[in-house]
């Protein structure tokens, strides 16, 4: 399990997410996730660009990503309200 945005994500979903990111051209974010998985990192600090990339690919993602998508969407809305993006 790897923690993304305070939410634990199973290793197989991290691989699936990395694949979605790579297919969408978000290679740097995909690499961050696969690197963390390869080296057994339990926590991945996401930059705002990473969060936006993940939100983009999770727009029509499988139900398994619903919780992660919800957390990232809530955080993004909060950042907008407070003028952080």
C-alpha atoms as a PDB file:
ATOM      1  CA  UNK A   1       0.000   0.000   0.000  1.00  0.00           C
ATOM      2  CA  UNK A   2       1.135   3.494  -0.825  1.00  0.00           C
ATOM      3  CA  UNK A   3      -0.375   6.599   0.682  1.00  0.00           C
ATOM      4  CA  UNK A   4      -1.413   9.290  -1.802  1.00  0.00           C
ATOM      5  CA  UNK A   5      -3.035  12.474  -0.531  1.00  0.00           C
ATOM      6  CA  UNK A   6      -3.660  10.813   2.824  1.00  0.00           C
ATOM      7  CA  UNK A   7      -5.419   7.873   1.199  1.00  0.00           C
ATOM      8  CA  UNK A   8      -4.003   4.350   1.058  1.00  0.00           C
ATOM      9  CA  UNK A   9      -3.925   2.844  -2.423  1.00  0.00           C
ATOM     10  CA  UNK A  10      -3.194  -0.828  -3.117  1.00  0.00           C
ATOM     11  CA  UNK A  11      -0.066  -1.640  -5.121  1.00  0.00           C
ATOM     12  CA  UNK A  12      -2.023  -3.064  -8.061  1.00  0.00           C
ATOM     13  CA  UNK A  13      -4.046   0.158  -8.279  1.00  0.00           C
ATOM     14  CA  UNK A  14      -0.826   2.204  -8.181  1.00  0.00           C
ATOM     15  CA  UNK A  15       0.373   0.239 -11.225  1.00  0.00           C
ATOM     16  CA  UNK A  16      -2.948   0.769 -12.987  1.00  0.00           C
ATOM     17  CA  UNK A  17      -2.861   4.480 -12.156  1.00  0.00           C
ATOM     18  CA  UNK A  18       0.720   4.765 -13.410  1.00  0.00           C
ATOM     19  CA  UNK A  19      -0.388   3.156 -16.676  1.00  0.00           C
ATOM     20  CA  UNK A  20      -3.272   5.599 -17.046  1.00  0.00           C
ATOM     21  CA  UNK A  21      -0.920   8.494 -16.385  1.00  0.00           C
ATOM     22  CA  UNK A  22       1.654   7.245 -18.859  1.00  0.00           C
ATOM     23  CA  UNK A  23      -0.941   6.737 -21.607  1.00  0.00           C
ATOM     24  CA  UNK A  24      -2.159  10.305 -21.029  1.00  0.00           C
ATOM     25  CA  UNK A  25       1.369  11.710 -21.313  1.00  0.00           C
ATOM     26  CA  UNK A  26       1.976  12.344 -17.618  1.00  0.00           C
ATOM     27  CA  UNK A  27       5.243  10.429 -17.595  1.00  0.00           C
ATOM     28  CA  UNK A  28       6.829  12.291 -14.690  1.00  0.00           C
ATOM     29  CA  UNK A  29       3.919  11.553 -12.352  1.00  0.00           C
ATOM     30  CA  UNK A  30       3.768   7.952 -13.538  1.00  0.00           C
ATOM     31  CA  UNK A  31       7.485   7.611 -12.844  1.00  0.00           C
ATOM     32  CA  UNK A  32       7.054   9.002  -9.313  1.00  0.00           C
ATOM     33  CA  UNK A  33       4.484   6.324  -8.547  1.00  0.00           C
ATOM     34  CA  UNK A  34       6.386   3.421 -10.070  1.00  0.00           C
ATOM     35  CA  UNK A  35       9.591   4.544  -8.343  1.00  0.00           C
ATOM     36  CA  UNK A  36       7.794   4.593  -4.982  1.00  0.00           C
ATOM     37  CA  UNK A  37       6.369   1.151  -5.631  1.00  0.00           C
ATOM     38  CA  UNK A  38       9.723  -0.254  -6.721  1.00  0.00           C
ATOM     39  CA  UNK A  39      11.551   1.028  -3.638  1.00  0.00           C
ATOM     40  CA  UNK A  40       8.811   0.226  -1.132  1.00  0.00           C
ATOM     41  CA  UNK A  41       7.958   3.803  -0.241  1.00  0.00           C
ATOM     42  CA  UNK A  42       4.859   3.989   1.914  1.00  0.00           C
ATOM     43  CA  UNK A  43       4.116   7.633   1.192  1.00  0.00           C
ATOM     44  CA  UNK A  44       4.320   9.661  -2.008  1.00  0.00           C
ATOM     45  CA  UNK A  45       4.335  13.419  -1.684  1.00  0.00           C
ATOM     46  CA  UNK A  46       2.342  14.737  -4.605  1.00  0.00           C
ATOM     47  CA  UNK A  47       2.994  18.109  -6.173  1.00  0.00           C
ATOM     48  CA  UNK A  48       0.017  20.117  -7.382  1.00  0.00           C
ATOM     49  CA  UNK A  49       0.929  19.142 -10.960  1.00  0.00           C
ATOM     50  CA  UNK A  50       0.817  15.463  -9.937  1.00  0.00           C
ATOM     51  CA  UNK A  51      -2.573  15.912  -8.299  1.00  0.00           C
ATOM     52  CA  UNK A  52      -3.981  17.599 -11.395  1.00  0.00           C
ATOM     53  CA  UNK A  53      -2.578  14.873 -13.639  1.00  0.00           C
ATOM     54  CA  UNK A  54      -4.150  12.178 -11.478  1.00  0.00           C
ATOM     55  CA  UNK A  55      -7.486  14.001 -11.442  1.00  0.00           C
ATOM     56  CA  UNK A  56      -7.346  14.264 -15.217  1.00  0.00           C
ATOM     57  CA  UNK A  57      -6.864  10.531 -15.750  1.00  0.00           C
ATOM     58  CA  UNK A  58      -9.357   9.571 -13.053  1.00  0.00           C
ATOM     59  CA  UNK A  59     -12.162  11.508 -14.729  1.00  0.00           C
ATOM     60  CA  UNK A  60     -13.603   8.314 -16.236  1.00  0.00           C
ATOM     61  CA  UNK A  61     -11.634   5.842 -14.137  1.00  0.00           C
ATOM     62  CA  UNK A  62     -12.881   2.561 -12.679  1.00  0.00           C
ATOM     63  CA  UNK A  63     -14.861   2.581  -9.433  1.00  0.00           C
ATOM     64  CA  UNK A  64     -11.795   1.351  -7.523  1.00  0.00           C
ATOM     65  CA  UNK A  65     -10.426   4.900  -7.784  1.00  0.00           C
ATOM     66  CA  UNK A  66     -13.585   6.666  -6.562  1.00  0.00           C
ATOM     67  CA  UNK A  67     -12.243   7.409  -3.067  1.00  0.00           C
ATOM     68  CA  UNK A  68      -8.918   8.745  -4.319  1.00  0.00           C
ATOM     69  CA  UNK A  69     -10.681  10.860  -6.939  1.00  0.00           C
ATOM     70  CA  UNK A  70     -12.993  12.237  -4.240  1.00  0.00           C
ATOM     71  CA  UNK A  71     -10.127  13.177  -1.916  1.00  0.00           C
ATOM     72  CA  UNK A  72      -8.152  14.875  -4.674  1.00  0.00           C
ATOM     73  CA  UNK A  73     -11.229  16.727  -5.936  1.00  0.00           C
ATOM     74  CA  UNK A  74     -12.014  18.027  -2.443  1.00  0.00           C
ATOM     75  CA  UNK A  75      -8.425  19.168  -1.942  1.00  0.00           C
ATOM     76  CA  UNK A  76      -8.397  20.878  -5.331  1.00  0.00           C
ATOM     77  CA  UNK A  77     -11.613  22.762  -4.575  1.00  0.00           C
ATOM     78  CA  UNK A  78     -10.157  23.863  -1.227  1.00  0.00           C
ATOM     79  CA  UNK A  79      -7.004  25.146  -2.938  1.00  0.00           C
ATOM     80  CA  UNK A  80      -9.109  27.107  -5.449  1.00  0.00           C
ATOM     81  CA  UNK A  81     -11.233  28.651  -2.682  1.00  0.00           C
ATOM     82  CA  UNK A  82      -8.101  29.773  -0.852  1.00  0.00           C
ATOM     83  CA  UNK A  83      -6.334  31.062  -3.979  1.00  0.00           C
ATOM     84  CA  UNK A  84      -3.583  28.458  -3.918  1.00  0.00           C
ATOM     85  CA  UNK A  85      -3.984  27.421  -7.576  1.00  0.00           C
END
